[in-house]
């Protein structure tokens, strides 16, 4: 989306994101950090991060213009597609969302639980590195991902390039699954414990 700014009688054209898909996870994490500051700082940093308008020029914009830009950004965020993207591509590599969360391993669950407990906002790239892994084999919509070995350091860096839209749809899906799992897991563990006690 193009934005025209008039300063000292000259009109310059700048680019503002045209879709929420243009926002990477790395940028989104910075935007989340800005929300802890003042509204002025949040607006300045958000517009600077999501456009090519220099930060100093953002500070010189009229308040009504800032309000228009912020409402456009909010509108783009609301229009985002919230359907889970099971397969994403980052720099030519296809990553698949965990195809069977019912068979999630204890190691995967423990890492996810730790990331959530230690502040999900700070650990979104790590969480995505657990949920999305390189696809080993694929036929039509069916795919197999690499097994989880707990070594996510490199993949975490790659996940920062995901779009915020992809991350948010994965979080919504995982949150809904987590609610179901938290209701079922204690019952399952109790049944297993009772079986062990019988033996």
Protein backbone atom coordinates (compact mmCIF):
# COMPACT_ATOMS: atom_id res chain seq x y z
CA UNK A 1 0.00 0.00 0.00
CA UNK A 2 1.42 3.37 -0.96
CA UNK A 3 1.40 6.33 1.43
CA UNK A 4 2.08 9.91 0.36
CA UNK A 5 3.68 12.29 2.85
CA UNK A 6 3.93 16.01 2.19
CA UNK A 7 6.80 17.82 3.88
CA UNK A 8 8.14 21.30 3.14
CA UNK A 9 6.06 21.50 -0.03
CA UNK A 10 7.41 18.20 -1.41
CA UNK A 11 5.41 14.99 -1.67
CA UNK A 12 7.24 11.71 -1.06
CA UNK A 13 5.79 8.25 -1.55
CA UNK A 14 6.37 5.44 0.95
CA UNK A 15 5.23 1.83 1.26
CA UNK A 16 3.07 0.48 4.08
CA UNK A 17 2.36 -3.25 4.36
CA UNK A 18 -0.55 -4.30 2.17
CA UNK A 19 -1.38 -7.52 4.05
CA UNK A 20 -0.77 -8.94 7.51
CA UNK A 21 1.08 -11.74 5.72
CA UNK A 22 3.84 -9.18 4.99
CA UNK A 23 4.70 -9.11 8.71
CA UNK A 24 7.28 -11.69 9.80
CA UNK A 25 7.27 -13.33 13.21
CA UNK A 26 10.45 -11.41 14.04
CA UNK A 27 8.73 -8.06 13.29
CA UNK A 28 5.60 -9.13 15.14
CA UNK A 29 7.66 -9.92 18.27
CA UNK A 30 9.05 -6.37 18.13
CA UNK A 31 5.51 -4.99 17.80
CA UNK A 32 4.45 -6.97 20.87
CA UNK A 33 7.37 -5.41 22.78
CA UNK A 34 6.28 -1.90 21.74
CA UNK A 35 2.85 -2.48 23.33
CA UNK A 36 4.44 -2.15 26.77
CA UNK A 37 5.48 1.46 26.12
CA UNK A 38 3.39 4.58 25.73
CA UNK A 39 0.78 4.88 22.96
CA UNK A 40 3.03 7.42 21.23
CA UNK A 41 6.01 5.03 21.24
CA UNK A 42 3.79 2.16 20.12
CA UNK A 43 2.43 4.17 17.16
CA UNK A 44 5.88 5.45 16.15
CA UNK A 45 7.54 2.04 16.31
CA UNK A 46 4.62 0.23 14.65
CA UNK A 47 4.46 2.58 11.66
CA UNK A 48 8.26 2.58 11.31
CA UNK A 49 8.39 -1.23 11.47
CA UNK A 50 5.54 -1.80 9.02
CA UNK A 51 6.50 0.81 6.45
CA UNK A 52 9.62 2.33 4.94
CA UNK A 53 8.84 5.73 6.48
CA UNK A 54 11.88 6.84 8.51
CA UNK A 55 11.19 6.97 12.24
CA UNK A 56 12.04 10.68 12.45
CA UNK A 57 9.50 11.45 9.73
CA UNK A 58 6.87 9.34 11.54
CA UNK A 59 7.37 11.58 14.58
CA UNK A 60 6.71 14.63 12.39
CA UNK A 61 3.40 13.33 11.00
CA UNK A 62 0.16 15.01 12.04
CA UNK A 63 -1.75 13.14 14.73
CA UNK A 64 -4.71 12.61 12.37
CA UNK A 65 -2.36 11.00 9.80
CA UNK A 66 -0.90 8.69 12.44
CA UNK A 67 -4.44 7.70 13.45
CA UNK A 68 -5.30 6.89 9.81
CA UNK A 69 -2.15 4.76 9.40
CA UNK A 70 -2.75 2.91 12.68
CA UNK A 71 -6.38 2.21 11.72
CA UNK A 72 -5.21 0.84 8.32
CA UNK A 73 -2.75 -1.46 10.10
CA UNK A 74 -5.46 -2.61 12.53
CA UNK A 75 -7.80 -3.22 9.58
CA UNK A 76 -5.18 -5.39 7.85
CA UNK A 77 -4.67 -7.40 11.02
CA UNK A 78 -8.42 -7.99 11.36
CA UNK A 79 -8.67 -9.10 7.72
CA UNK A 80 -6.03 -11.78 8.13
CA UNK A 81 -6.77 -15.37 7.24
CA UNK A 82 -7.05 -17.37 10.48
CA UNK A 83 -7.13 -20.80 8.83
CA UNK A 84 -4.23 -23.00 9.87
CA UNK A 85 -1.50 -23.23 7.23
CA UNK A 86 -0.44 -26.86 7.61
CA UNK A 87 2.39 -26.47 5.10
CA UNK A 88 4.53 -23.34 4.91
CA UNK A 89 7.62 -22.55 2.90
CA UNK A 90 10.59 -20.60 4.20
CA UNK A 91 13.49 -19.95 1.84
CA UNK A 92 12.66 -22.92 -0.35
CA UNK A 93 12.18 -25.43 2.49
CA UNK A 94 8.71 -26.85 3.19
CA UNK A 95 7.73 -27.18 6.83
CA UNK A 96 4.71 -29.13 8.00
CA UNK A 97 2.61 -28.45 11.07
CA UNK A 98 2.63 -31.49 13.36
CA UNK A 99 0.24 -33.76 11.43
CA UNK A 100 -1.02 -35.72 14.44
CA UNK A 101 -1.11 -33.80 17.70
CA UNK A 102 -2.83 -36.79 19.34
CA UNK A 103 0.51 -38.63 19.08
CA UNK A 104 2.68 -35.78 20.34
CA UNK A 105 5.67 -37.10 22.27
CA UNK A 106 6.40 -36.35 25.91
CA UNK A 107 9.54 -34.45 24.84
CA UNK A 108 7.56 -32.23 22.47
CA UNK A 109 4.87 -31.62 25.08
CA UNK A 110 7.46 -30.84 27.79
CA UNK A 111 9.23 -28.29 25.56
CA UNK A 112 5.95 -26.66 24.52
CA UNK A 113 4.82 -26.50 28.15
CA UNK A 114 8.14 -24.89 29.15
CA UNK A 115 7.92 -22.24 26.40
CA UNK A 116 4.37 -21.37 27.42
CA UNK A 117 5.25 -21.29 31.12
CA UNK A 118 8.29 -19.03 30.51
CA UNK A 119 6.25 -16.52 28.49
CA UNK A 120 4.81 -17.51 25.15
CA UNK A 121 5.47 -14.04 23.66
CA UNK A 122 9.21 -14.48 24.22
CA UNK A 123 9.28 -18.04 22.89
CA UNK A 124 7.06 -17.99 19.79
CA UNK A 125 9.91 -18.92 17.41
CA UNK A 126 10.84 -21.90 19.62
CA UNK A 127 7.19 -22.98 19.86
CA UNK A 128 6.83 -22.80 16.08
CA UNK A 129 10.08 -24.80 15.71
CA UNK A 130 8.46 -27.61 17.71
CA UNK A 131 5.14 -27.48 15.87
CA UNK A 132 6.56 -27.00 12.33
CA UNK A 133 9.30 -29.31 11.05
CA UNK A 134 10.83 -30.03 7.65
CA UNK A 135 8.72 -32.34 5.49
CA UNK A 136 10.46 -35.64 4.74
CA UNK A 137 7.84 -37.08 2.44
CA UNK A 138 4.70 -35.66 0.85
CA UNK A 139 1.91 -36.88 -1.40
CA UNK A 140 -0.99 -34.52 -2.11
CA UNK A 141 -2.16 -33.22 1.31
CA UNK A 142 -0.53 -36.02 3.30
CA UNK A 143 2.99 -35.49 4.61
CA UNK A 144 5.53 -36.84 7.09
CA UNK A 145 7.74 -34.46 9.09
CA UNK A 146 11.14 -35.07 10.66
CA UNK A 147 11.06 -36.70 14.08
CA UNK A 148 11.49 -34.42 17.08
CA UNK A 149 14.95 -34.57 18.59
CA UNK A 150 14.78 -31.46 20.76
CA UNK A 151 17.48 -29.68 18.75
CA UNK A 152 15.56 -26.63 17.54
CA UNK A 153 18.20 -23.89 17.64
CA UNK A 154 18.65 -23.55 13.85
CA UNK A 155 14.96 -24.06 13.08
CA UNK A 156 14.05 -21.36 15.63
CA UNK A 157 15.99 -18.83 13.54
CA UNK A 158 14.16 -19.98 10.39
CA UNK A 159 10.78 -19.68 12.12
CA UNK A 160 11.40 -15.97 12.70
CA UNK A 161 10.80 -15.58 8.95
CA UNK A 162 7.26 -17.03 9.20
CA UNK A 163 4.46 -14.56 8.66
CA UNK A 164 2.67 -13.33 11.78
CA UNK A 165 -0.54 -14.50 10.14
CA UNK A 166 0.76 -18.09 9.96
CA UNK A 167 1.89 -17.95 13.58
CA UNK A 168 -1.43 -16.57 14.83
CA UNK A 169 -3.45 -19.23 12.99
CA UNK A 170 -1.18 -21.96 14.42
CA UNK A 171 -1.59 -20.53 17.92
CA UNK A 172 -5.38 -20.47 17.62
CA UNK A 173 -5.38 -24.08 16.42
CA UNK A 174 -2.93 -25.19 19.11
CA UNK A 175 -4.81 -23.30 21.84
CA UNK A 176 -8.06 -25.09 20.93
CA UNK A 177 -6.23 -28.42 20.83
CA UNK A 178 -4.54 -27.63 24.17
CA UNK A 179 -7.89 -27.00 25.84
CA UNK A 180 -9.10 -30.41 24.68
CA UNK A 181 -5.85 -32.08 25.69
CA UNK A 182 -5.82 -30.52 29.17
CA UNK A 183 -9.29 -31.95 29.79
CA UNK A 184 -8.40 -35.41 28.47
CA UNK A 185 -4.80 -35.81 29.74
CA UNK A 186 -5.54 -35.94 33.52
CA UNK A 187 -8.21 -38.61 32.91
CA UNK A 188 -5.83 -40.63 30.76
CA UNK A 189 -3.02 -40.35 33.34
CA UNK A 190 -5.39 -41.42 36.13
CA UNK A 191 -6.45 -44.48 34.13
CA UNK A 192 -2.81 -45.37 33.49
CA UNK A 193 -1.97 -44.95 37.18
CA UNK A 194 -4.87 -47.19 38.20
CA UNK A 195 -3.74 -49.84 35.69
CA UNK A 196 -0.21 -49.70 37.12
CA UNK A 197 -1.51 -50.06 40.66
CA UNK A 198 -3.54 -53.14 39.68
CA UNK A 199 -0.40 -54.78 38.30
